[in-house]
Amino acid sequence: MKIRRGDLAVRVALSFGVLPGSLAAATWTVCPAGGGCSFTDIQSAIDAASPGDTILVLPGSYPAFVLEKGLRILGVDPSLVTVSMTANPPSPFSPPVLPATVRVNAIPAGQFALLAGMTIQVVTSPPLPYSSVFCSGNPVAALAVSNCAGAVTLSNLNLQPGHYSHGIRAEGNAAVLADHVQVSASQIVGSVFSPTCYYYFGSYSGECPRAGVFSAATALSLNSSSVLGMTSSSALVVEGSSSSHVAGTDLTGADGTGFAAVCIGGTLGLTTIGSRGGHGLEARNGAAVRVARGNGVAIEGGNGGTGYGGASCPCISGLGGNGVDASGSSVLLAPGLSILPGVNGGFPAVCFPPPTPSPINGSVVTISPTPLPGLELTPVLSSPGGNTTFEVNGPSGAQFAVGVSLEPAFLSIPGIGGPLLLDPASLFVAFSGTLSPSGSATIPIAIPPNPSLSEGVVFFQPAVVNATAGGVELGPAAALVIL
């Protein structure tokens, strides 16, 4: 592996230090009562802050908030900072009426918002045995991002959406860049009751499928993350006319479950209908998705729920989810990805077996002839005087470069594979070199011990010369936050 460092230390120091907006802007602190901070809740700090300011959130538990201006909200660590909301459906037959725990809305063009270093959760109770939830209305999320003309960056977050919500729901945004984000919804186990077996074709069910990450008409970059949706739901759903980049991310469709239902065909009685497992990646309605490998990445469908029908009632076993399921969209997968289907739910001999799920379902899915680039940044939260490590992945022996910028963007460039996710106005090459025969390069970086760098953020993105495909390929972005 060859790396040209040149004046790398000077350049990186300058990139951290030349933060005219953040150095001139204010930093507000939030901590529990008695801690001596500016505020005791995040919403009050947001209301007082001006675009470009930073809100530093110290250890504690905090209520829900709404962000509608370009601020950096930095929690010190997901294990120490929790933003939560308790929200259960009002009755077994009504949809859950919840706002998002955190809602990022209408960030103006020319600004960007950053959320980092916290756990965001929806606290719910599971459906009672033999109860049902009416799945209707506008599904909500632990974190909802909507109608933002400015870019939104999510870094080092733990999302826990409970039983009825998406982890992240992003709709109508210019760009959402997510890095080191973990989504893990609560799963429903056992059987619940649905009023009639016709629910299978309608909207009654016991689990209200919600994706781990749902992105519609939003340019999405998802890097170095892991995603599990709620029972019977897909891990990542991308739809609408949008481009998405995924790298180094495990996508696991959630398992289905069984639903007891009154059978009104044949002899009146009870039957159990298995819901299908969620897909690992679901692309539809014109989406374009690129998936790079990274390290240890798996895309898996969930297992179907168990069905039982007896002698005179229908028996419907849940289908296993596909690893990748695409319809009317374009999906490009790096070679060597581990893509696995779920398995069908169990069924007795009187039932007909359902179709077999597939690792890849859809004629619009293609495999790249060479690896797509990726960038792993560890850790993503650091401090002045600390260290971080970059790992770049791509084709064996390829030339690479890593760009650095002070702001995120999402720009399509003709002839370039993948979008530019860095602001051209502050973009320069931090380092470059040649990938090893195994297709990787590791670069340790020492952060200058300058206290003025605190509460800063810098964005990085890899570029790899792909001799086989011809031209340059760009990978997802990573954000380094300096606390």
Protein backbone atom coordinates (compact mmCIF):
# COMPACT_ATOMS: atom_id res chain seq x y z
CA MET A 1 0.00 0.00 0.00
CA LYS A 2 1.41 3.38 -1.03
CA ILE A 3 0.14 6.62 0.50
CA ARG A 4 1.24 10.12 -0.42
CA ARG A 5 0.97 12.15 2.76
CA GLY A 6 2.79 15.33 1.71
CA ASP A 7 1.57 18.09 3.99
CA LEU A 8 -1.30 15.92 5.23
CA ALA A 9 -0.89 16.95 8.88
CA VAL A 10 -0.97 20.63 7.95
CA ARG A 11 -3.93 20.15 5.63
CA VAL A 12 -5.94 18.18 8.18
CA ALA A 13 -5.08 20.69 10.92
CA LEU A 14 -6.25 23.48 8.64
CA SER A 15 -9.38 21.59 7.70
CA PHE A 16 -10.24 21.28 11.39
CA GLY A 17 -9.16 24.80 12.21
CA VAL A 18 -10.55 26.68 9.23
CA LEU A 19 -14.12 26.54 10.42
CA PRO A 20 -15.09 30.19 10.10
CA GLY A 21 -18.77 29.50 10.61
CA SER A 22 -18.40 27.33 13.70
CA LEU A 23 -15.62 29.41 15.29
CA ALA A 24 -17.70 32.55 15.02
CA ALA A 25 -20.91 30.78 16.07
CA ALA A 26 -22.04 30.04 19.58
CA THR A 27 -21.92 26.74 21.46
CA TRP A 28 -24.81 26.02 23.81
CA THR A 29 -24.77 23.27 26.45
CA VAL A 30 -27.62 21.05 27.62
CA CYS A 31 -27.63 18.88 30.75
CA PRO A 32 -30.05 17.83 33.51
CA ALA A 33 -31.14 20.36 36.12
CA GLY A 34 -28.35 21.34 38.49
CA GLY A 35 -25.59 20.63 35.98
CA GLY A 36 -24.80 24.28 35.31
CA CYS A 37 -25.58 24.19 31.55
CA SER A 38 -27.27 26.79 29.38
CA PHE A 39 -30.44 24.67 29.13
CA THR A 40 -32.00 21.54 30.63
CA ASP A 41 -33.78 20.41 27.45
CA ILE A 42 -32.71 20.29 23.81
CA GLN A 43 -35.76 22.09 22.38
CA SER A 44 -35.08 25.23 24.44
CA ALA A 45 -31.49 25.29 23.16
CA ILE A 46 -32.70 24.91 19.57
CA ASP A 47 -35.15 27.77 19.99
CA ALA A 48 -32.39 30.08 21.29
CA ALA A 49 -29.68 29.09 18.79
CA SER A 50 -28.95 30.64 15.40
CA PRO A 51 -28.05 28.75 12.20
CA GLY A 52 -24.47 27.49 12.39
CA ASP A 53 -24.49 27.19 16.18
CA THR A 54 -23.58 24.00 18.06
CA ILE A 55 -25.61 22.41 20.85
CA LEU A 56 -23.50 20.11 23.04
CA VAL A 57 -25.69 17.59 24.90
CA LEU A 58 -24.14 16.17 28.08
CA PRO A 59 -25.12 12.83 29.68
CA GLY A 60 -28.79 12.55 30.58
CA SER A 61 -32.28 11.69 29.34
CA TYR A 62 -34.24 14.27 27.36
CA PRO A 63 -37.70 14.67 25.77
CA ALA A 64 -38.57 14.83 22.06
CA PHE A 65 -37.60 17.84 19.94
CA VAL A 66 -38.06 19.42 16.50
CA LEU A 67 -35.18 20.90 14.48
CA GLU A 68 -35.94 23.37 11.69
CA LYS A 69 -32.66 25.28 11.32
CA GLY A 70 -29.09 24.40 10.43
CA LEU A 71 -27.59 23.42 13.80
CA ARG A 72 -25.08 20.85 15.01
CA ILE A 73 -26.59 18.85 17.89
CA LEU A 74 -23.80 16.76 19.40
CA GLY A 75 -24.45 14.20 22.12
CA VAL A 76 -21.34 13.01 23.91
CA ASP A 77 -22.11 9.30 23.33
CA PRO A 78 -25.17 7.15 22.47
CA SER A 79 -24.72 5.20 25.71
CA LEU A 80 -24.87 8.41 27.76
CA VAL A 81 -27.45 10.59 25.97
CA THR A 82 -31.02 9.37 25.39
CA VAL A 83 -33.88 11.22 23.70
CA SER A 84 -37.14 9.34 24.20
CA MET A 85 -40.89 9.49 23.93
CA THR A 86 -43.49 7.08 25.31
CA ALA A 87 -46.21 6.42 22.77
CA ASN A 88 -48.64 3.51 22.60
CA PRO A 89 -51.63 3.07 20.31
CA PRO A 90 -54.74 4.54 21.92
CA SER A 91 -56.73 1.31 21.45
CA PRO A 92 -56.22 -2.12 19.89
CA PHE A 93 -58.12 -1.04 16.77
CA SER A 94 -56.65 2.43 16.28
CA PRO A 95 -53.40 3.47 14.65
CA PRO A 96 -50.67 4.74 16.94
CA VAL A 97 -50.89 8.52 17.04
CA LEU A 98 -47.30 9.61 17.53
CA PRO A 99 -45.13 12.48 16.49
CA ALA A 100 -41.56 11.45 15.78
CA THR A 101 -39.28 11.46 18.79
CA VAL A 102 -36.94 13.69 16.77
CA ARG A 103 -38.22 15.55 13.72
CA VAL A 104 -35.87 17.38 11.35
CA ASN A 105 -37.95 19.48 8.99
CA ALA A 106 -37.44 22.13 6.30
CA ILE A 107 -33.73 22.81 6.78
CA PRO A 108 -33.15 25.70 4.34
CA ALA A 109 -30.84 25.50 1.35
CA GLY A 110 -27.35 26.76 2.22
CA GLN A 111 -27.55 25.29 5.75
CA PHE A 112 -27.00 21.78 7.04
CA ALA A 113 -28.13 19.97 10.18
CA LEU A 114 -26.12 17.41 12.14
CA LEU A 115 -27.30 14.95 14.78
CA ALA A 116 -24.62 12.85 16.47
CA GLY A 117 -23.79 10.81 19.56
CA MET A 118 -27.17 9.91 21.05
CA THR A 119 -29.85 7.23 21.39
CA ILE A 120 -33.28 8.14 20.00
CA GLN A 121 -36.14 5.89 21.04
CA VAL A 122 -39.89 5.41 20.97
CA VAL A 123 -40.97 3.55 24.11
CA THR A 124 -43.98 1.31 23.37
CA SER A 125 -45.69 -1.76 24.72
CA PRO A 126 -46.23 -4.78 22.45
CA PRO A 127 -49.74 -5.72 21.30
CA LEU A 128 -51.57 -7.76 23.91
CA PRO A 129 -52.11 -11.44 23.08
CA TYR A 130 -55.12 -11.78 20.78
CA SER A 131 -55.29 -8.05 20.08
CA SER A 132 -54.87 -6.24 16.79
CA VAL A 133 -53.51 -2.93 15.58
CA PHE A 134 -55.12 -1.09 12.69
CA CYS A 135 -52.29 -0.14 10.38
CA SER A 136 -53.36 3.08 8.72
CA GLY A 137 -52.56 6.75 8.62
CA ASN A 138 -49.11 8.27 8.11
CA PRO A 139 -46.49 6.02 9.73
CA VAL A 140 -44.11 7.84 12.00
CA ALA A 141 -40.56 7.19 13.11
CA ALA A 142 -38.06 7.50 15.91
CA LEU A 143 -36.34 10.00 13.59
CA ALA A 144 -38.27 11.73 10.79
CA VAL A 145 -36.49 13.91 8.21
CA SER A 146 -38.75 15.75 5.79
CA ASN A 147 -38.70 18.51 3.16
CA CYS A 148 -35.11 19.62 3.80
CA ALA A 149 -33.42 21.61 1.03
CA GLY A 150 -30.21 21.63 3.07
CA ALA A 151 -28.32 18.40 3.78
CA VAL A 152 -28.92 16.43 6.99
CA THR A 153 -26.13 14.36 8.55
CA LEU A 154 -26.71 11.57 11.08
CA SER A 155 -23.63 10.19 12.84
CA ASN A 156 -23.09 7.66 15.62
CA LEU A 157 -26.77 7.25 16.50
CA ASN A 158 -28.66 4.37 18.11
CA LEU A 159 -32.31 4.32 16.99
CA GLN A 160 -34.89 2.24 18.87
CA PRO A 161 -38.30 2.74 17.23
CA GLY A 162 -40.34 0.36 19.39
CA HIS A 163 -43.20 -1.73 17.95
CA TYR A 164 -45.06 0.70 15.68
CA SER A 165 -42.57 3.05 14.03
CA HIS A 166 -39.88 3.30 11.39
CA GLY A 167 -36.37 3.80 12.66
CA ILE A 168 -35.68 6.59 10.14
CA ARG A 169 -38.34 7.96 7.79
CA ALA A 170 -36.88 10.37 5.21
CA GLU A 171 -39.14 11.99 2.61
CA GLY A 172 -38.55 14.75 0.08
CA ASN A 173 -35.03 15.74 1.14
CA ALA A 174 -32.05 17.01 -0.86
CA ALA A 175 -29.64 14.70 0.98
CA VAL A 176 -29.46 12.57 4.13
CA LEU A 177 -25.98 11.28 5.03
CA ALA A 178 -26.05 8.56 7.71
CA ASP A 179 -22.85 7.10 9.13
CA HIS A 180 -22.42 4.64 12.04
CA VAL A 181 -26.16 4.45 12.66
CA GLN A 182 -27.73 1.43 14.35
CA VAL A 183 -31.47 0.78 13.94
CA SER A 184 -33.07 -2.03 15.95
CA ALA A 185 -36.85 -2.18 16.30
CA SER A 186 -38.75 -4.24 18.86
CA GLN A 187 -39.98 -7.60 17.57
CA ILE A 188 -43.37 -9.21 18.18
CA VAL A 189 -43.28 -12.85 19.23
CA GLY A 190 -46.04 -15.44 19.53
CA SER A 191 -49.47 -15.06 17.92
CA VAL A 192 -51.93 -12.19 18.01
CA PHE A 193 -55.56 -12.09 16.92
CA SER A 194 -56.98 -10.46 13.79
CA PRO A 195 -60.80 -10.09 13.47
CA THR A 196 -61.06 -11.99 10.19
CA CYS A 197 -58.81 -13.95 7.92
CA TYR A 198 -59.55 -11.33 5.25
CA TYR A 199 -57.05 -9.11 7.05
CA TYR A 200 -54.42 -10.75 4.85
CA PHE A 201 -55.64 -8.63 1.93
CA GLY A 202 -56.52 -5.57 3.98
CA SER A 203 -54.95 -3.41 6.63
CA TYR A 204 -55.55 -5.28 9.89
CA SER A 205 -52.54 -7.01 11.37
CA GLY A 206 -50.76 -7.40 14.62
CA GLU A 207 -47.44 -5.90 13.69
CA CYS A 208 -47.85 -2.81 11.46
CA PRO A 209 -44.76 -3.38 9.28
CA ARG A 210 -42.37 -0.44 9.44
CA ALA A 211 -38.98 -0.34 7.74
CA GLY A 212 -35.81 0.15 9.71
CA VAL A 213 -34.95 2.95 7.26
CA PHE A 214 -37.55 4.25 4.80
CA SER A 215 -36.36 6.73 2.17
CA ALA A 216 -38.66 8.31 -0.43
CA ALA A 217 -37.57 10.98 -2.93
CA THR A 218 -34.45 11.51 -0.83
CA ALA A 219 -30.78 11.23 -1.80
CA LEU A 220 -29.51 8.82 0.85
CA SER A 221 -25.96 7.85 1.85
CA LEU A 222 -25.86 5.02 4.41
CA ASN A 223 -22.40 4.02 5.60
CA SER A 224 -20.96 1.67 8.26
CA SER A 225 -24.34 0.98 9.86
CA SER A 226 -26.70 -1.86 10.81
CA VAL A 227 -30.46 -1.92 10.29
CA LEU A 228 -33.28 -4.18 11.54
CA GLY A 229 -36.90 -3.14 10.99
CA MET A 230 -39.99 -4.00 13.01
CA THR A 231 -41.63 -7.42 12.79
CA SER A 232 -42.36 -8.46 9.18
CA SER A 233 -40.74 -5.33 7.77
CA SER A 234 -37.79 -4.71 5.46
CA ALA A 235 -34.54 -3.31 6.79
CA LEU A 236 -34.09 -0.63 4.09
CA VAL A 237 -36.82 0.58 1.74
CA VAL A 238 -35.86 3.06 -0.99
CA GLU A 239 -38.50 4.37 -3.36
CA GLY A 240 -39.20 7.19 -5.77
CA SER A 241 -36.88 9.06 -8.07
CA SER A 242 -33.79 9.19 -5.88
CA SER A 243 -30.21 7.92 -5.71
CA SER A 244 -28.86 6.06 -2.70
CA HIS A 245 -25.39 4.88 -1.71
CA VAL A 246 -24.90 2.06 0.80
CA ALA A 247 -21.57 0.72 2.05
CA GLY A 248 -20.37 -1.36 4.99
CA THR A 249 -23.94 -1.80 6.23
CA ASP A 250 -25.76 -4.92 7.47
CA LEU A 251 -29.40 -5.01 6.35
CA THR A 252 -31.55 -7.63 8.08
CA GLY A 253 -35.23 -8.05 7.27
CA ALA A 254 -37.29 -8.77 10.38
CA ASP A 255 -38.99 -12.13 10.90
CA GLY A 256 -42.75 -12.50 10.50
CA THR A 257 -45.05 -13.89 13.15
CA GLY A 258 -48.33 -15.85 13.32
CA PHE A 259 -51.81 -14.32 13.52
CA ALA A 260 -54.83 -16.15 14.85
CA ALA A 261 -57.88 -15.32 12.74
CA VAL A 262 -61.52 -16.32 12.54
CA CYS A 263 -61.91 -18.40 9.39
CA ILE A 264 -65.22 -17.78 7.61
CA GLY A 265 -64.53 -20.17 4.76
CA GLY A 266 -65.63 -23.78 5.29
CA THR A 267 -66.45 -24.57 8.88
CA LEU A 268 -66.22 -21.56 11.17
CA GLY A 269 -63.12 -21.86 13.23
CA LEU A 270 -59.69 -20.48 13.97
CA THR A 271 -56.71 -20.48 11.68
CA THR A 272 -53.21 -19.07 12.07
CA ILE A 273 -51.81 -16.99 9.25
CA GLY A 274 -48.09 -16.36 9.06
CA SER A 275 -46.93 -12.92 7.97
CA ARG A 276 -44.03 -12.76 5.56
CA GLY A 277 -40.51 -11.90 6.58
CA GLY A 278 -39.15 -8.51 5.59
CA HIS A 279 -36.66 -8.01 2.76
CA GLY A 280 -33.09 -6.98 3.48
CA LEU A 281 -33.15 -4.26 0.79
CA GLU A 282 -36.34 -3.22 -0.99
CA ALA A 283 -36.10 -0.80 -3.95
CA ARG A 284 -39.14 0.34 -5.90
CA ASN A 285 -40.76 3.03 -8.03
CA GLY A 286 -37.72 4.41 -9.83
CA ALA A 287 -35.07 4.34 -7.10
CA ALA A 288 -31.37 3.91 -7.96
CA VAL A 289 -29.30 2.13 -5.29
CA ARG A 290 -25.57 1.29 -5.19
CA VAL A 291 -24.32 -1.14 -2.52
CA ALA A 292 -20.60 -1.46 -1.72
CA ARG A 293 -19.26 -4.30 0.34
CA GLY A 294 -17.15 -3.00 3.20
CA ASN A 295 -16.23 -5.47 5.94
CA GLY A 296 -18.47 -8.36 6.97
CA VAL A 297 -21.58 -6.95 5.30
CA ALA A 298 -24.66 -9.16 4.98
CA ILE A 299 -28.07 -8.49 3.40
CA GLU A 300 -30.64 -10.96 4.69
CA GLY A 301 -34.36 -11.52 4.36
CA GLY A 302 -36.41 -12.30 7.46
CA ASN A 303 -38.10 -15.64 8.11
CA GLY A 304 -41.82 -16.07 7.50
CA GLY A 305 -44.29 -16.62 10.31
CA THR A 306 -45.85 -20.00 11.05
CA GLY A 307 -49.30 -20.78 9.63
CA TYR A 308 -51.82 -23.45 10.65
CA GLY A 309 -55.22 -24.14 9.14
CA GLY A 310 -56.57 -27.49 10.26
CA ALA A 311 -58.82 -29.62 8.05
CA SER A 312 -61.38 -27.10 6.77
CA CYS A 313 -59.81 -23.64 7.12
CA PRO A 314 -57.14 -22.14 4.86
CA CYS A 315 -53.58 -22.39 5.98
CA ILE A 316 -51.31 -19.55 4.93
CA SER A 317 -47.69 -19.80 5.91
CA GLY A 318 -45.58 -16.66 5.86
CA LEU A 319 -43.13 -16.26 3.00
CA GLY A 320 -39.50 -15.69 3.81
CA GLY A 321 -38.20 -12.28 2.76
CA ASN A 322 -35.87 -11.86 -0.18
CA GLY A 323 -32.35 -10.62 0.41
CA VAL A 324 -32.77 -7.92 -2.26
CA ASP A 325 -36.18 -7.20 -3.76
CA ALA A 326 -36.39 -4.66 -6.59
CA SER A 327 -39.27 -3.51 -8.75
CA GLY A 328 -39.06 -0.67 -11.27
CA SER A 329 -35.72 0.41 -9.85
CA SER A 330 -32.01 0.05 -10.55
CA VAL A 331 -29.81 -1.76 -8.01
CA LEU A 332 -26.04 -2.16 -8.48
CA LEU A 333 -24.38 -4.59 -6.05
CA ALA A 334 -20.67 -4.97 -5.38
CA PRO A 335 -19.32 -8.47 -6.01
CA GLY A 336 -18.89 -10.75 -3.02
CA LEU A 337 -21.76 -9.44 -0.93
CA SER A 338 -23.36 -11.99 1.40
CA ILE A 339 -27.01 -11.94 0.25
CA LEU A 340 -29.32 -14.48 1.88
CA PRO A 341 -33.07 -15.08 1.73
CA GLY A 342 -35.20 -15.85 4.75
CA VAL A 343 -36.97 -19.17 5.08
CA ASN A 344 -40.69 -19.81 4.80
CA GLY A 345 -42.76 -20.23 7.93
CA GLY A 346 -43.60 -23.72 9.15
CA PHE A 347 -46.82 -25.41 8.01
CA PRO A 348 -48.49 -28.79 8.61
CA ALA A 349 -48.99 -31.40 5.94
CA VAL A 350 -52.47 -30.10 5.00
CA CYS A 351 -50.98 -26.82 3.76
CA PHE A 352 -49.45 -26.15 0.39
CA PRO A 353 -45.90 -24.78 0.63
CA PRO A 354 -45.49 -21.14 -0.43
CA PRO A 355 -42.96 -20.07 -3.10
CA THR A 356 -39.30 -20.14 -2.17
CA PRO A 357 -37.75 -16.73 -1.36
CA SER A 358 -34.71 -15.61 -3.36
CA PRO A 359 -31.38 -14.01 -2.49
CA ILE A 360 -32.07 -11.51 -5.30
CA ASN A 361 -35.51 -10.89 -6.79
CA GLY A 362 -35.86 -8.47 -9.70
CA SER A 363 -34.49 -8.17 -13.22
CA VAL A 364 -33.21 -4.64 -12.51
CA VAL A 365 -30.51 -5.92 -10.12
CA THR A 366 -26.96 -6.19 -11.51
CA ILE A 367 -23.59 -7.16 -10.05
CA SER A 368 -20.69 -4.76 -10.55
CA PRO A 369 -17.66 -6.34 -12.28
CA THR A 370 -15.34 -4.81 -9.65
CA PRO A 371 -15.68 -3.74 -6.01
CA LEU A 372 -17.35 -0.40 -5.33
CA PRO A 373 -15.47 2.02 -3.04
CA GLY A 374 -16.15 2.34 0.67
CA LEU A 375 -14.71 4.28 3.60
CA GLU A 376 -14.65 3.20 7.26
CA LEU A 377 -13.81 5.88 9.83
CA THR A 378 -13.09 4.71 13.40
CA PRO A 379 -13.98 6.32 15.73
CA VAL A 380 -16.44 8.87 14.36
CA LEU A 381 -16.46 10.81 17.64
CA SER A 382 -13.03 12.00 18.75
CA SER A 383 -11.39 14.92 20.54
CA PRO A 384 -8.47 17.33 20.08
CA GLY A 385 -5.28 15.33 20.52
CA GLY A 386 -7.10 12.09 19.77
CA ASN A 387 -6.70 9.67 16.91
CA THR A 388 -8.86 8.22 14.17
CA THR A 389 -8.28 5.65 11.43
CA PHE A 390 -9.45 5.61 7.82
CA GLU A 391 -9.91 2.37 5.93
CA VAL A 392 -10.54 2.72 2.19
CA ASN A 393 -11.88 -0.24 0.19
CA GLY A 394 -12.13 -0.81 -3.55
CA PRO A 395 -10.62 -2.80 -6.45
CA SER A 396 -7.27 -4.50 -5.93
CA GLY A 397 -4.33 -2.19 -6.65
CA ALA A 398 -6.54 0.74 -7.66
CA GLN A 399 -5.53 4.37 -7.23
CA PHE A 400 -7.59 6.11 -4.57
CA ALA A 401 -8.04 9.51 -2.97
CA VAL A 402 -10.01 10.72 0.04
CA GLY A 403 -11.57 14.16 -0.18
CA VAL A 404 -12.35 16.34 2.81
CA SER A 405 -14.88 19.15 3.12
CA LEU A 406 -16.46 21.32 5.78
CA GLU A 407 -20.02 20.78 4.57
CA PRO A 408 -22.00 17.93 2.98
CA ALA A 409 -23.65 18.00 -0.45
CA PHE A 410 -25.22 15.63 -3.00
CA LEU A 411 -24.17 16.40 -6.57
CA SER A 412 -24.38 14.11 -9.59
CA ILE A 413 -21.41 14.51 -11.93
CA PRO A 414 -21.62 13.19 -15.52
CA GLY A 415 -19.14 10.38 -16.11
CA ILE A 416 -18.55 9.74 -12.40
CA GLY A 417 -19.92 6.65 -10.68
CA GLY A 418 -21.87 7.83 -7.67
CA PRO A 419 -22.63 11.36 -6.40
CA LEU A 420 -20.26 13.88 -4.86
CA LEU A 421 -21.23 14.20 -1.19
CA LEU A 422 -18.80 17.00 -0.28
CA ASP A 423 -19.20 20.74 -0.76
CA PRO A 424 -17.01 21.76 -3.75
CA ALA A 425 -16.34 25.19 -2.21
CA SER A 426 -14.25 23.68 0.62
CA LEU A 427 -13.19 20.40 -1.00
CA PHE A 428 -9.59 19.26 -1.24
CA VAL A 429 -7.78 15.90 -1.30
CA ALA A 430 -6.63 14.91 2.20
CA PHE A 431 -4.58 11.92 1.06
CA SER A 432 -4.20 9.52 -1.86
CA GLY A 433 -2.38 6.33 -2.74
CA THR A 434 -2.72 2.78 -4.06
CA LEU A 435 -4.94 0.08 -2.59
CA SER A 436 -3.29 -3.16 -1.55
CA PRO A 437 -3.77 -6.44 -3.49
CA SER A 438 -6.66 -7.18 -1.11
CA GLY A 439 -8.27 -3.86 -2.11
CA SER A 440 -7.78 -1.82 1.06
CA ALA A 441 -5.68 0.93 2.61
CA THR A 442 -5.50 1.93 6.28
CA ILE A 443 -4.40 5.42 7.30
CA PRO A 444 -4.09 6.51 10.98
CA ILE A 445 -4.59 10.23 11.61
CA ALA A 446 -3.61 12.24 14.69
CA ILE A 447 -5.98 15.11 15.45
CA PRO A 448 -4.12 18.30 16.42
CA PRO A 449 -4.32 19.01 20.18
CA ASN A 450 -5.98 22.36 19.63
CA PRO A 451 -8.94 23.05 21.99
CA SER A 452 -10.47 25.41 19.43
CA LEU A 453 -11.22 22.37 17.25
CA SER A 454 -13.87 21.18 19.74
CA GLU A 455 -17.42 20.93 18.46
CA GLY A 456 -16.12 20.82 14.86
CA VAL A 457 -17.17 18.42 12.11
CA VAL A 458 -15.37 17.39 8.92
CA PHE A 459 -16.73 15.28 6.06
CA PHE A 460 -14.75 12.69 4.08
CA GLN A 461 -15.49 10.70 0.91
CA PRO A 462 -13.42 8.13 -1.02
CA ALA A 463 -12.77 8.20 -4.78
CA VAL A 464 -11.28 5.21 -6.62
CA VAL A 465 -10.02 4.97 -10.20
CA ASN A 466 -11.78 1.93 -11.64
CA ALA A 467 -9.69 0.76 -14.60
CA THR A 468 -12.08 -2.09 -15.42
CA ALA A 469 -15.24 0.00 -15.48
CA GLY A 470 -13.41 3.07 -16.79
CA GLY A 471 -13.53 6.33 -14.88
CA VAL A 472 -13.82 7.31 -11.22
CA GLU A 473 -16.13 5.77 -8.63
CA LEU A 474 -17.22 7.63 -5.48
CA GLY A 475 -18.29 5.95 -2.23
CA PRO A 476 -20.51 7.03 0.69
CA ALA A 477 -19.38 9.80 3.02
CA ALA A 478 -18.30 9.71 6.67
CA ALA A 479 -18.40 12.55 9.20
CA LEU A 480 -15.73 13.02 11.88
CA VAL A 481 -17.05 14.89 14.92
CA ILE A 482 -14.56 16.58 17.28
CA LEU A 483 -15.89 16.95 20.83
